[in-house]
């Protein structure tokens, strides 16, 4: 697989915004309590917000695995590919549904 020169190149500061968003707090408490919940939001936001010129699904997937501390043995490559495409094509109104789906995959 050939990777373009644009792979991982940030478009603007939106990636930093995504990272700050998943670590947000309110009244001293994290909005997302678990690593799994943060990972689910990270994956969703990278795929939907497209902060990189190329490789958003692949980068989101790798960061998701790292943040959730899970490996490929838990979720197969074809399942993650299908999930990434489903997220990309989903209506933003379905965000909570997509987040719940991602969380269920982690917790299985």
PDB file of N, CA and C in Angstrom:
ATOM      1  N   UNK A   1       0.840  -1.172   0.000  1.00  0.00           N
ATOM      2  CA  UNK A   1       0.000   0.000   0.000  1.00  0.00           C
ATOM      3  C   UNK A   1       0.887   1.238   0.000  1.00  0.00           C
ATOM      4  N   UNK A   2       0.635   2.108  -0.913  1.00  0.00           N
ATOM      5  CA  UNK A   2       1.429   3.326  -1.032  1.00  0.00           C
ATOM      6  C   UNK A   2       0.763   4.457  -0.248  1.00  0.00           C
ATOM      7  N   UNK A   3       1.566   5.177   0.514  1.00  0.00           N
ATOM      8  CA  UNK A   3       1.063   6.289   1.308  1.00  0.00           C
ATOM      9  C   UNK A   3       1.462   7.592   0.627  1.00  0.00           C
ATOM     10  N   UNK A   4       0.497   8.494   0.483  1.00  0.00           N
ATOM     11  CA  UNK A   4       0.771   9.771  -0.185  1.00  0.00           C
ATOM     12  C   UNK A   4       1.546  10.709   0.734  1.00  0.00           C
ATOM     13  N   UNK A   5       2.108  11.740   0.140  1.00  0.00           N
ATOM     14  CA  UNK A   5       2.815  12.766   0.913  1.00  0.00           C
ATOM     15  C   UNK A   5       1.868  13.537   1.831  1.00  0.00           C
ATOM     16  N   UNK A   6       0.588  13.470   1.549  1.00  0.00           N
ATOM     17  CA  UNK A   6      -0.399  14.183   2.350  1.00  0.00           C
ATOM     18  C   UNK A   6      -0.856  13.390   3.571  1.00  0.00           C
ATOM     19  N   UNK A   7      -0.464  12.107   3.646  1.00  0.00           N
ATOM     20  CA  UNK A   7      -0.901  11.255   4.755  1.00  0.00           C
ATOM     21  C   UNK A   7      -0.481  11.866   6.091  1.00  0.00           C
ATOM     22  N   UNK A   8      -1.443  12.115   6.950  1.00  0.00           N
ATOM     23  CA  UNK A   8      -1.158  12.644   8.281  1.00  0.00           C
ATOM     24  C   UNK A   8      -0.868  14.129   8.340  1.00  0.00           C
ATOM     25  N   UNK A   9      -0.915  14.813   7.191  1.00  0.00           N
ATOM     26  CA  UNK A   9      -0.674  16.264   7.187  1.00  0.00           C
ATOM     27  C   UNK A   9      -1.924  16.964   7.715  1.00  0.00           C
ATOM     28  N   UNK A  10      -1.749  17.738   8.764  1.00  0.00           N
ATOM     29  CA  UNK A  10      -2.890  18.437   9.352  1.00  0.00           C
ATOM     30  C   UNK A  10      -3.363  19.564   8.441  1.00  0.00           C
ATOM     31  N   UNK A  11      -4.665  19.697   8.311  1.00  0.00           N
ATOM     32  CA  UNK A  11      -5.259  20.768   7.507  1.00  0.00           C
ATOM     33  C   UNK A  11      -5.214  22.095   8.253  1.00  0.00           C
ATOM     34  N   UNK A  12      -5.498  22.036   9.526  1.00  0.00           N
ATOM     35  CA  UNK A  12      -5.567  23.231  10.375  1.00  0.00           C
ATOM     36  C   UNK A  12      -5.352  22.773  11.816  1.00  0.00           C
ATOM     37  N   UNK A  13      -5.906  23.444  12.766  1.00  0.00           N
ATOM     38  CA  UNK A  13      -5.746  23.061  14.173  1.00  0.00           C
ATOM     39  C   UNK A  13      -6.875  22.172  14.684  1.00  0.00           C
ATOM     40  N   UNK A  14      -7.661  21.596  13.785  1.00  0.00           N
ATOM     41  CA  UNK A  14      -8.819  20.821  14.226  1.00  0.00           C
ATOM     42  C   UNK A  14      -8.435  19.541  14.966  1.00  0.00           C
ATOM     43  N   UNK A  15      -7.285  18.939  14.650  1.00  0.00           N
ATOM     44  CA  UNK A  15      -6.868  17.737  15.380  1.00  0.00           C
ATOM     45  C   UNK A  15      -6.589  18.085  16.839  1.00  0.00           C
ATOM     46  N   UNK A  16      -5.919  19.193  17.064  1.00  0.00           N
ATOM     47  CA  UNK A  16      -5.659  19.645  18.435  1.00  0.00           C
ATOM     48  C   UNK A  16      -6.988  19.888  19.151  1.00  0.00           C
ATOM     49  N   UNK A  17      -7.939  20.458  18.448  1.00  0.00           N
ATOM     50  CA  UNK A  17      -9.263  20.696  19.020  1.00  0.00           C
ATOM     51  C   UNK A  17      -9.959  19.407  19.414  1.00  0.00           C
ATOM     52  N   UNK A  18      -9.824  18.371  18.574  1.00  0.00           N
ATOM     53  CA  UNK A  18     -10.420  17.069  18.882  1.00  0.00           C
ATOM     54  C   UNK A  18      -9.792  16.500  20.151  1.00  0.00           C
ATOM     55  N   UNK A  19      -8.462  16.565  20.234  1.00  0.00           N
ATOM     56  CA  UNK A  19      -7.769  16.042  21.417  1.00  0.00           C
ATOM     57  C   UNK A  19      -8.183  16.795  22.682  1.00  0.00           C
ATOM     58  N   UNK A  20      -8.294  18.107  22.569  1.00  0.00           N
ATOM     59  CA  UNK A  20      -8.725  18.904  23.726  1.00  0.00           C
ATOM     60  C   UNK A  20     -10.168  18.574  24.100  1.00  0.00           C
ATOM     61  N   UNK A  21     -10.988  18.330  23.088  1.00  0.00           N
ATOM     62  CA  UNK A  21     -12.399  18.039  23.311  1.00  0.00           C
ATOM     63  C   UNK A  21     -12.602  16.757  24.118  1.00  0.00           C
ATOM     64  N   UNK A  22     -11.839  15.706  23.819  1.00  0.00           N
ATOM     65  CA  UNK A  22     -12.049  14.446  24.538  1.00  0.00           C
ATOM     66  C   UNK A  22     -11.513  14.494  25.964  1.00  0.00           C
ATOM     67  N   UNK A  23     -10.696  15.491  26.266  1.00  0.00           N
ATOM     68  CA  UNK A  23     -10.184  15.655  27.630  1.00  0.00           C
ATOM     69  C   UNK A  23     -10.901  16.771  28.384  1.00  0.00           C
ATOM     70  N   UNK A  24     -12.033  17.231  27.852  1.00  0.00           N
ATOM     71  CA  UNK A  24     -12.795  18.311  28.479  1.00  0.00           C
ATOM     72  C   UNK A  24     -13.307  17.914  29.853  1.00  0.00           C
ATOM     73  N   UNK A  25     -13.410  18.916  30.715  1.00  0.00           N
ATOM     74  CA  UNK A  25     -13.990  18.707  32.040  1.00  0.00           C
ATOM     75  C   UNK A  25     -15.090  19.734  32.270  1.00  0.00           C
ATOM     76  N   UNK A  26     -15.957  19.407  33.194  1.00  0.00           N
ATOM     77  CA  UNK A  26     -16.978  20.342  33.649  1.00  0.00           C
ATOM     78  C   UNK A  26     -17.073  20.196  35.156  1.00  0.00           C
ATOM     79  N   UNK A  27     -16.915  21.294  35.840  1.00  0.00           N
ATOM     80  CA  UNK A  27     -16.959  21.307  37.299  1.00  0.00           C
ATOM     81  C   UNK A  27     -15.929  20.333  37.887  1.00  0.00           C
ATOM     82  N   UNK A  28     -14.777  20.265  37.212  1.00  0.00           N
ATOM     83  CA  UNK A  28     -13.681  19.426  37.685  1.00  0.00           C
ATOM     84  C   UNK A  28     -13.802  17.951  37.352  1.00  0.00           C
ATOM     85  N   UNK A  29     -14.847  17.569  36.610  1.00  0.00           N
ATOM     86  CA  UNK A  29     -15.056  16.158  36.260  1.00  0.00           C
ATOM     87  C   UNK A  29     -14.973  15.991  34.749  1.00  0.00           C
ATOM     88  N   UNK A  30     -14.313  14.925  34.332  1.00  0.00           N
ATOM     89  CA  UNK A  30     -14.175  14.631  32.906  1.00  0.00           C
ATOM     90  C   UNK A  30     -15.544  14.368  32.287  1.00  0.00           C
ATOM     91  N   UNK A  31     -15.770  14.899  31.085  1.00  0.00           N
ATOM     92  CA  UNK A  31     -17.030  14.637  30.385  1.00  0.00           C
ATOM     93  C   UNK A  31     -17.109  13.195  29.899  1.00  0.00           C
ATOM     94  N   UNK A  32     -15.958  12.617  29.620  1.00  0.00           N
ATOM     95  CA  UNK A  32     -15.884  11.225  29.173  1.00  0.00           C
ATOM     96  C   UNK A  32     -15.075  10.469  30.214  1.00  0.00           C
ATOM     97  N   UNK A  33     -15.736   9.598  30.945  1.00  0.00           N
ATOM     98  CA  UNK A  33     -15.147   9.002  32.140  1.00  0.00           C
ATOM     99  C   UNK A  33     -14.136   7.895  31.897  1.00  0.00           C
ATOM    100  N   UNK A  34     -14.299   7.136  30.838  1.00  0.00           N
ATOM    101  CA  UNK A  34     -13.425   5.977  30.625  1.00  0.00           C
ATOM    102  C   UNK A  34     -12.556   6.154  29.384  1.00  0.00           C
ATOM    103  N   UNK A  35     -11.493   5.373  29.331  1.00  0.00           N
ATOM    104  CA  UNK A  35     -10.632   5.362  28.143  1.00  0.00           C
ATOM    105  C   UNK A  35     -11.422   4.903  26.928  1.00  0.00           C
ATOM    106  N   UNK A  36     -12.347   3.972  27.129  1.00  0.00           N
ATOM    107  CA  UNK A  36     -13.167   3.470  26.027  1.00  0.00           C
ATOM    108  C   UNK A  36     -14.058   4.569  25.459  1.00  0.00           C
ATOM    109  N   UNK A  37     -14.655   5.351  26.333  1.00  0.00           N
ATOM    110  CA  UNK A  37     -15.531   6.432  25.872  1.00  0.00           C
ATOM    111  C   UNK A  37     -14.732   7.509  25.141  1.00  0.00           C
ATOM    112  N   UNK A  38     -13.562   7.836  25.666  1.00  0.00           N
ATOM    113  CA  UNK A  38     -12.694   8.805  24.993  1.00  0.00           C
ATOM    114  C   UNK A  38     -12.255   8.272  23.634  1.00  0.00           C
ATOM    115  N   UNK A  39     -11.914   6.980  23.576  1.00  0.00           N
ATOM    116  CA  UNK A  39     -11.489   6.370  22.317  1.00  0.00           C
ATOM    117  C   UNK A  39     -12.607   6.396  21.287  1.00  0.00           C
ATOM    118  N   UNK A  40     -13.830   6.117  21.720  1.00  0.00           N
ATOM    119  CA  UNK A  40     -14.976   6.126  20.810  1.00  0.00           C
ATOM    120  C   UNK A  40     -15.196   7.521  20.226  1.00  0.00           C
ATOM    121  N   UNK A  41     -15.133   8.537  21.068  1.00  0.00           N
ATOM    122  CA  UNK A  41     -15.304   9.913  20.592  1.00  0.00           C
ATOM    123  C   UNK A  41     -14.135  10.338  19.703  1.00  0.00           C
ATOM    124  N   UNK A  42     -12.942   9.909  20.037  1.00  0.00           N
ATOM    125  CA  UNK A  42     -11.764  10.219  19.221  1.00  0.00           C
ATOM    126  C   UNK A  42     -11.920   9.646  17.817  1.00  0.00           C
ATOM    127  N   UNK A  43     -12.287   8.369  17.726  1.00  0.00           N
ATOM    128  CA  UNK A  43     -12.477   7.731  16.422  1.00  0.00           C
ATOM    129  C   UNK A  43     -13.561   8.451  15.625  1.00  0.00           C
ATOM    130  N   UNK A  44     -14.695   8.684  16.249  1.00  0.00           N
ATOM    131  CA  UNK A  44     -15.803   9.340  15.561  1.00  0.00           C
ATOM    132  C   UNK A  44     -15.395  10.723  15.042  1.00  0.00           C
ATOM    133  N   UNK A  45     -14.792  11.520  15.907  1.00  0.00           N
ATOM    134  CA  UNK A  45     -14.455  12.904  15.533  1.00  0.00           C
ATOM    135  C   UNK A  45     -13.388  12.975  14.445  1.00  0.00           C
ATOM    136  N   UNK A  46     -12.412  12.085  14.481  1.00  0.00           N
ATOM    137  CA  UNK A  46     -11.386  12.106  13.431  1.00  0.00           C
ATOM    138  C   UNK A  46     -11.995  11.729  12.086  1.00  0.00           C
ATOM    139  N   UNK A  47     -12.862  10.728  12.090  1.00  0.00           N
ATOM    140  CA  UNK A  47     -13.477  10.312  10.830  1.00  0.00           C
ATOM    141  C   UNK A  47     -14.439  11.385  10.312  1.00  0.00           C
ATOM    142  N   UNK A  48     -15.249  11.964  11.178  1.00  0.00           N
ATOM    143  CA  UNK A  48     -16.247  12.939  10.735  1.00  0.00           C
ATOM    144  C   UNK A  48     -15.662  14.325  10.452  1.00  0.00           C
ATOM    145  N   UNK A  49     -14.690  14.756  11.262  1.00  0.00           N
ATOM    146  CA  UNK A  49     -14.164  16.116  11.115  1.00  0.00           C
ATOM    147  C   UNK A  49     -13.034  16.233  10.096  1.00  0.00           C
ATOM    148  N   UNK A  50     -12.424  15.104   9.717  1.00  0.00           N
ATOM    149  CA  UNK A  50     -11.374  15.081   8.691  1.00  0.00           C
ATOM    150  C   UNK A  50     -10.259  16.102   8.957  1.00  0.00           C
ATOM    151  N   UNK A  51      -9.547  16.007  10.104  1.00  0.00           N
ATOM    152  CA  UNK A  51      -8.509  17.001  10.405  1.00  0.00           C
ATOM    153  C   UNK A  51      -7.228  16.852   9.583  1.00  0.00           C
ATOM    154  N   UNK A  52      -7.074  15.727   8.884  1.00  0.00           N
ATOM    155  CA  UNK A  52      -5.872  15.483   8.087  1.00  0.00           C
ATOM    156  C   UNK A  52      -6.213  15.517   6.601  1.00  0.00           C
ATOM    157  N   UNK A  53      -5.233  15.832   5.785  1.00  0.00           N
ATOM    158  CA  UNK A  53      -5.439  15.871   4.338  1.00  0.00           C
ATOM    159  C   UNK A  53      -5.698  14.483   3.773  1.00  0.00           C
ATOM    160  N   UNK A  54      -5.097  13.466   4.384  1.00  0.00           N
ATOM    161  CA  UNK A  54      -5.256  12.081   3.931  1.00  0.00           C
ATOM    162  C   UNK A  54      -5.033  11.163   5.126  1.00  0.00           C
ATOM    163  N   UNK A  55      -5.752  10.047   5.157  1.00  0.00           N
ATOM    164  CA  UNK A  55      -5.515   9.033   6.175  1.00  0.00           C
ATOM    165  C   UNK A  55      -6.354   9.154   7.428  1.00  0.00           C
ATOM    166  N   UNK A  56      -7.445   9.899   7.382  1.00  0.00           N
ATOM    167  CA  UNK A  56      -8.251  10.114   8.581  1.00  0.00           C
ATOM    168  C   UNK A  56      -8.783   8.818   9.187  1.00  0.00           C
ATOM    169  N   UNK A  57      -9.299   7.920   8.364  1.00  0.00           N
ATOM    170  CA  UNK A  57      -9.837   6.667   8.896  1.00  0.00           C
ATOM    171  C   UNK A  57      -8.728   5.809   9.489  1.00  0.00           C
ATOM    172  N   UNK A  58      -7.595   5.710   8.799  1.00  0.00           N
ATOM    173  CA  UNK A  58      -6.477   4.901   9.307  1.00  0.00           C
ATOM    174  C   UNK A  58      -5.883   5.505  10.568  1.00  0.00           C
ATOM    175  N   UNK A  59      -5.696   6.803  10.589  1.00  0.00           N
ATOM    176  CA  UNK A  59      -5.145   7.472  11.770  1.00  0.00           C
ATOM    177  C   UNK A  59      -6.129   7.359  12.932  1.00  0.00           C
ATOM    178  N   UNK A  60      -7.400   7.589  12.657  1.00  0.00           N
ATOM    179  CA  UNK A  60      -8.423   7.467  13.697  1.00  0.00           C
ATOM    180  C   UNK A  60      -8.454   6.076  14.291  1.00  0.00           C
ATOM    181  N   UNK A  61      -8.363   5.080  13.432  1.00  0.00           N
ATOM    182  CA  UNK A  61      -8.375   3.684  13.861  1.00  0.00           C
ATOM    183  C   UNK A  61      -7.183   3.377  14.760  1.00  0.00           C
ATOM    184  N   UNK A  62      -5.993   3.794  14.365  1.00  0.00           N
ATOM    185  CA  UNK A  62      -4.793   3.534  15.173  1.00  0.00           C
ATOM    186  C   UNK A  62      -4.839   4.271  16.510  1.00  0.00           C
ATOM    187  N   UNK A  63      -5.289   5.505  16.508  1.00  0.00           N
ATOM    188  CA  UNK A  63      -5.412   6.245  17.764  1.00  0.00           C
ATOM    189  C   UNK A  63      -6.478   5.630  18.665  1.00  0.00           C
ATOM    190  N   UNK A  64      -7.541   5.152  18.049  1.00  0.00           N
ATOM    191  CA  UNK A  64      -8.613   4.477  18.786  1.00  0.00           C
ATOM    192  C   UNK A  64      -8.078   3.247  19.502  1.00  0.00           C
ATOM    193  N   UNK A  65      -7.333   2.403  18.783  1.00  0.00           N
ATOM    194  CA  UNK A  65      -6.762   1.196  19.388  1.00  0.00           C
ATOM    195  C   UNK A  65      -5.821   1.545  20.531  1.00  0.00           C
ATOM    196  N   UNK A  66      -5.033   2.595  20.338  1.00  0.00           N
ATOM    197  CA  UNK A  66      -4.080   3.018  21.360  1.00  0.00           C
ATOM    198  C   UNK A  66      -4.805   3.574  22.582  1.00  0.00           C
ATOM    199  N   UNK A  67      -5.765   4.444  22.365  1.00  0.00           N
ATOM    200  CA  UNK A  67      -6.479   5.095  23.471  1.00  0.00           C
ATOM    201  C   UNK A  67      -7.305   4.090  24.271  1.00  0.00           C
ATOM    202  N   UNK A  68      -7.925   3.146  23.579  1.00  0.00           N
ATOM    203  CA  UNK A  68      -8.768   2.161  24.258  1.00  0.00           C
ATOM    204  C   UNK A  68      -7.946   1.003  24.820  1.00  0.00           C
ATOM    205  N   UNK A  69      -6.659   0.966  24.481  1.00  0.00           N
ATOM    206  CA  UNK A  69      -5.758  -0.095  24.935  1.00  0.00           C
ATOM    207  C   UNK A  69      -6.269  -1.476  24.522  1.00  0.00           C
ATOM    208  N   UNK A  70      -6.689  -1.546  23.260  1.00  0.00           N
ATOM    209  CA  UNK A  70      -7.133  -2.816  22.717  1.00  0.00           C
ATOM    210  C   UNK A  70      -6.301  -3.138  21.494  1.00  0.00           C
ATOM    211  N   UNK A  71      -6.346  -4.371  21.069  1.00  0.00           N
ATOM    212  CA  UNK A  71      -5.568  -4.792  19.917  1.00  0.00           C
ATOM    213  C   UNK A  71      -6.443  -5.372  18.826  1.00  0.00           C
ATOM    214  N   UNK A  72      -5.811  -5.740  17.741  1.00  0.00           N
ATOM    215  CA  UNK A  72      -6.544  -6.306  16.606  1.00  0.00           C
ATOM    216  C   UNK A  72      -7.218  -7.621  16.950  1.00  0.00           C
ATOM    217  N   UNK A  73      -6.720  -8.318  17.985  1.00  0.00           N
ATOM    218  CA  UNK A  73      -7.351  -9.582  18.353  1.00  0.00           C
ATOM    219  C   UNK A  73      -8.780  -9.356  18.854  1.00  0.00           C
ATOM    220  N   UNK A  74      -9.047  -8.165  19.408  1.00  0.00           N
ATOM    221  CA  UNK A  74     -10.379  -7.860  19.903  1.00  0.00           C
ATOM    222  C   UNK A  74     -11.340  -7.484  18.778  1.00  0.00           C
ATOM    223  N   UNK A  75     -10.847  -6.722  17.823  1.00  0.00           N
ATOM    224  CA  UNK A  75     -11.669  -6.249  16.711  1.00  0.00           C
ATOM    225  C   UNK A  75     -10.891  -6.483  15.425  1.00  0.00           C
ATOM    226  N   UNK A  76     -11.461  -7.242  14.526  1.00  0.00           N
ATOM    227  CA  UNK A  76     -10.782  -7.553  13.280  1.00  0.00           C
ATOM    228  C   UNK A  76     -10.670  -6.354  12.357  1.00  0.00           C
ATOM    229  N   UNK A  77      -9.726  -6.434  11.448  1.00  0.00           N
ATOM    230  CA  UNK A  77      -9.483  -5.347  10.496  1.00  0.00           C
ATOM    231  C   UNK A  77     -10.714  -5.097   9.631  1.00  0.00           C
ATOM    232  N   UNK A  78     -11.362  -6.156   9.162  1.00  0.00           N
ATOM    233  CA  UNK A  78     -12.533  -5.955   8.297  1.00  0.00           C
ATOM    234  C   UNK A  78     -13.685  -5.315   9.073  1.00  0.00           C
ATOM    235  N   UNK A  79     -13.838  -5.669  10.342  1.00  0.00           N
ATOM    236  CA  UNK A  79     -14.888  -5.048  11.164  1.00  0.00           C
ATOM    237  C   UNK A  79     -14.596  -3.569  11.370  1.00  0.00           C
ATOM    238  N   UNK A  80     -13.339  -3.226  11.622  1.00  0.00           N
ATOM    239  CA  UNK A  80     -12.986  -1.821  11.820  1.00  0.00           C
ATOM    240  C   UNK A  80     -13.127  -1.027  10.525  1.00  0.00           C
ATOM    241  N   UNK A  81     -12.791  -1.646   9.405  1.00  0.00           N
ATOM    242  CA  UNK A  81     -12.958  -0.976   8.113  1.00  0.00           C
ATOM    243  C   UNK A  81     -14.433  -0.678   7.868  1.00  0.00           C
ATOM    244  N   UNK A  82     -15.273  -1.667   8.120  1.00  0.00           N
ATOM    245  CA  UNK A  82     -16.717  -1.477   7.949  1.00  0.00           C
ATOM    246  C   UNK A  82     -17.249  -0.409   8.889  1.00  0.00           C
ATOM    247  N   UNK A  83     -16.781  -0.428  10.130  1.00  0.00           N
ATOM    248  CA  UNK A  83     -17.210   0.572  11.103  1.00  0.00           C
ATOM    249  C   UNK A  83     -16.786   1.975  10.677  1.00  0.00           C
ATOM    250  N   UNK A  84     -15.550   2.112  10.210  1.00  0.00           N
ATOM    251  CA  UNK A  84     -15.051   3.419   9.771  1.00  0.00           C
ATOM    252  C   UNK A  84     -15.888   3.956   8.609  1.00  0.00           C
ATOM    253  N   UNK A  85     -16.227   3.093   7.669  1.00  0.00           N
ATOM    254  CA  UNK A  85     -17.061   3.521   6.537  1.00  0.00           C
ATOM    255  C   UNK A  85     -18.472   3.878   6.992  1.00  0.00           C
ATOM    256  N   UNK A  86     -19.008   3.105   7.935  1.00  0.00           N
ATOM    257  CA  UNK A  86     -20.333   3.398   8.473  1.00  0.00           C
ATOM    258  C   UNK A  86     -20.349   4.759   9.161  1.00  0.00           C
ATOM    259  N   UNK A  87     -19.321   5.039   9.954  1.00  0.00           N
ATOM    260  CA  UNK A  87     -19.222   6.337  10.629  1.00  0.00           C
ATOM    261  C   UNK A  87     -19.118   7.461   9.602  1.00  0.00           C
ATOM    262  N   UNK A  88     -18.271   7.272   8.601  1.00  0.00           N
ATOM    263  CA  UNK A  88     -18.061   8.305   7.581  1.00  0.00           C
ATOM    264  C   UNK A  88     -19.351   8.639   6.846  1.00  0.00           C
ATOM    265  N   UNK A  89     -20.170   7.636   6.573  1.00  0.00           N
ATOM    266  CA  UNK A  89     -21.401   7.838   5.816  1.00  0.00           C
ATOM    267  C   UNK A  89     -22.597   8.206   6.692  1.00  0.00           C
ATOM    268  N   UNK A  90     -22.454   8.116   8.003  1.00  0.00           N
ATOM    269  CA  UNK A  90     -23.587   8.357   8.895  1.00  0.00           C
ATOM    270  C   UNK A  90     -23.960   9.837   8.946  1.00  0.00           C
ATOM    271  N   UNK A  91     -25.209  10.071   9.244  1.00  0.00           N
ATOM    272  CA  UNK A  91     -25.711  11.429   9.448  1.00  0.00           C
ATOM    273  C   UNK A  91     -25.225  11.905  10.818  1.00  0.00           C
ATOM    274  N   UNK A  92     -24.761  13.147  10.927  1.00  0.00           N
ATOM    275  CA  UNK A  92     -24.311  13.654  12.235  1.00  0.00           C
ATOM    276  C   UNK A  92     -25.359  13.519  13.346  1.00  0.00           C
ATOM    277  N   UNK A  93     -26.629  13.475  12.971  1.00  0.00           N
ATOM    278  CA  UNK A  93     -27.699  13.277  13.952  1.00  0.00           C
ATOM    279  C   UNK A  93     -27.544  11.924  14.653  1.00  0.00           C
ATOM    280  N   UNK A  94     -26.885  10.969  13.988  1.00  0.00           N
ATOM    281  CA  UNK A  94     -26.701   9.623  14.526  1.00  0.00           C
ATOM    282  C   UNK A  94     -25.433   9.476  15.373  1.00  0.00           C
ATOM    283  N   UNK A  95     -24.845  10.585  15.788  1.00  0.00           N
ATOM    284  CA  UNK A  95     -23.577  10.538  16.525  1.00  0.00           C
ATOM    285  C   UNK A  95     -23.655   9.625  17.748  1.00  0.00           C
ATOM    286  N   UNK A  96     -24.651   9.795  18.589  1.00  0.00           N
ATOM    287  CA  UNK A  96     -24.740   8.974  19.810  1.00  0.00           C
ATOM    288  C   UNK A  96     -24.905   7.496  19.475  1.00  0.00           C
ATOM    289  N   UNK A  97     -25.645   7.196  18.422  1.00  0.00           N
ATOM    290  CA  UNK A  97     -25.793   5.810  17.973  1.00  0.00           C
ATOM    291  C   UNK A  97     -24.441   5.235  17.562  1.00  0.00           C
ATOM    292  N   UNK A  98     -23.668   6.011  16.804  1.00  0.00           N
ATOM    293  CA  UNK A  98     -22.339   5.565  16.374  1.00  0.00           C
ATOM    294  C   UNK A  98     -21.404   5.389  17.576  1.00  0.00           C
ATOM    295  N   UNK A  99     -21.432   6.319  18.516  1.00  0.00           N
ATOM    296  CA  UNK A  99     -20.596   6.227  19.716  1.00  0.00           C
ATOM    297  C   UNK A  99     -20.955   4.967  20.499  1.00  0.00           C
ATOM    298  N   UNK A 100     -22.261   4.706  20.654  1.00  0.00           N
ATOM    299  CA  UNK A 100     -22.695   3.498  21.371  1.00  0.00           C
ATOM    300  C   UNK A 100     -22.253   2.232  20.659  1.00  0.00           C
ATOM    301  N   UNK A 101     -22.308   2.228  19.341  1.00  0.00           N
ATOM    302  CA  UNK A 101     -21.847   1.080  18.564  1.00  0.00           C
ATOM    303  C   UNK A 101     -20.358   0.836  18.796  1.00  0.00           C
ATOM    304  N   UNK A 102     -19.571   1.889  18.747  1.00  0.00           N
ATOM    305  CA  UNK A 102     -18.130   1.768  18.986  1.00  0.00           C
ATOM    306  C   UNK A 102     -17.877   1.246  20.396  1.00  0.00           C
ATOM    307  N   UNK A 103     -18.582   1.790  21.377  1.00  0.00           N
ATOM    308  CA  UNK A 103     -18.417   1.361  22.770  1.00  0.00           C
ATOM    309  C   UNK A 103     -18.774  -0.116  22.938  1.00  0.00           C
ATOM    310  N   UNK A 104     -19.829  -0.564  22.269  1.00  0.00           N
ATOM    311  CA  UNK A 104     -20.216  -1.976  22.355  1.00  0.00           C
ATOM    312  C   UNK A 104     -19.150  -2.886  21.765  1.00  0.00           C
ATOM    313  N   UNK A 105     -18.489  -2.443  20.709  1.00  0.00           N
ATOM    314  CA  UNK A 105     -17.408  -3.247  20.133  1.00  0.00           C
ATOM    315  C   UNK A 105     -16.236  -3.367  21.099  1.00  0.00           C
ATOM    316  N   UNK A 106     -15.941  -2.292  21.812  1.00  0.00           N
ATOM    317  CA  UNK A 106     -14.843  -2.317  22.776  1.00  0.00           C
ATOM    318  C   UNK A 106     -15.173  -3.265  23.921  1.00  0.00           C
ATOM    319  N   UNK A 107     -16.402  -3.196  24.399  1.00  0.00           N
ATOM    320  CA  UNK A 107     -16.788  -3.927  25.604  1.00  0.00           C
ATOM    321  C   UNK A 107     -17.166  -5.372  25.364  1.00  0.00           C
ATOM    322  N   UNK A 108     -17.221  -5.815  24.117  1.00  0.00           N
ATOM    323  CA  UNK A 108     -17.530  -7.232  23.838  1.00  0.00           C
ATOM    324  C   UNK A 108     -16.367  -8.127  24.147  1.00  0.00           C
TER     325      UNK A 108
END
